[in-house]
Amino acid sequence: MPAPLDYARDERRPGCEDTLALYIHWPFCVSKCPYCDFNSHVRSSVDQELWQKALLADLAHEATVERGRKLGSIFFGGGTPSLMPPGTVAALIEAAGRHWGFAPDIEITLEANPSSVEAARFADLAAAGVNRVSLGLQSLDDRALRFLGRAHDVTEGLAALETAQEAFRRVSFDLIYALPDQSEAKWRAQLTRALAFGTGHLSLYQLTIEPGTRFAALAAKGELEPADPDHAAALYELTQEMTEAANLPAYEISNHARPGEESRHNLAYWLYQNYSGVGPGAHGRRGGVATQRHRKPENWLSALDRNGHGIVEEMPIDGSAAAVEALLMGLRLREGVEMDRIAALADRAFDTIVDGRAVARLADQGLVARDEHRLRVTPAGMLLLDAILAEIVR
């Protein structure tokens, strides 16, 4: 196993205390995928001029509240941000730089669907300032893509990946595995192919049946049977083995990267650093305050007209709540959490924040590890992360 990287202590990484991460949400999709519970909406048409103006206004409001830090990262998420006109992306990047300023090695990521229409915009998006793309391939099997409700096929997806690798300095793509009836042999073959493309980052997610999705409705009627948990665990272990061998180890439960190519923006979340979110449904954590925007696009626009921003809720986060949030996010990382930092957030001893007896029992079982400075979930424990968090956190 590669030597651990201490993300929290590496001051070269954006996402340290003196930078801010900015999330910009584009809420629109061409269609709703049956597994998706994200804040995405299908509309027959979108007034692009109106939406550019509205996002710039929400961004400007956020800049009046959160000051004093340069941006370490910008992330365009969705929805399907690759449906945004490159001119809108360029305008938002320019405005963000004007409001906050950029760290020298700022990471600017945009999520993209691998359709030929959207891939045709990649060069213009790169010229607008995007330097990293996260491509939603989701599968390298046409039958699985149809099951997942994706509009592209494998040929179109791989053509988009090739275009992305030509246009952007850094490329990541997503795959969903542990699909019903997916064998170890099929997943091994697909992951072998994925690793051969040479990207520095992969996001590999097991299929989860989320409440409110079409898959959840099918499962409730007995028309969709999720993968057996033991089989899913075997696929997870295979994934770790293969990505480690390819020098793309998991630095977070579902994210794999060559050392130095981790998602800086997502690390800001997992390391519980300051981040601002603009656009419908976006969340933020900045200056000890949690923010949430209106989820529905029309409600967000109405709030923006009334108030000059799309915020529906601002709530101070007390030290104990911040410590718990930081613990829950940080234990997703291979490095785990720095116990003194968690204790400092709550202004009380670390062992008053966690259940010490549960930690000791889980350590005896090889599911967590604790030394003088850090608590982390072991690779074996990552299979049971949700249950472990429920036991550890008071």
Foldseek 3Di string as FASTA:
>chain_A
DDDDDDVQPPVVFPLHQQAAEEEEEDAEACDDWQQDPFLHDHDPDDPLVVVLVLLLLQLVVVLVVFARHAHQEYEYYYHACLPRQLVSLLVVVVSSCVSYNHDPNHAYEYEHELAPVSLVCLQSNVVSPHAEYEYEPQFQQQVVCVVRVHPDHNVSNVVSVVSNVVRHPAYEYEYEDQAPPQALVNLVVGVVVVLVVPGFKYFYHYRDRDPPGNVVVCVVVVNGDGHDLVRVVVSLVVVQVVLVVSCFHAQFLGMTGRPPRPDSSLVSQLQVHWYYYADAQTWTQHPQKIWGFHSDRVQQSVCCVVPSHRTPDIGGHALLNSLLSNQLSNQRGQQHDFQVVSCVSNVHHSCVFWPVVLLVVCVVVVQWDDDPTGIYGHPVNSSVSVVSSVRTGD
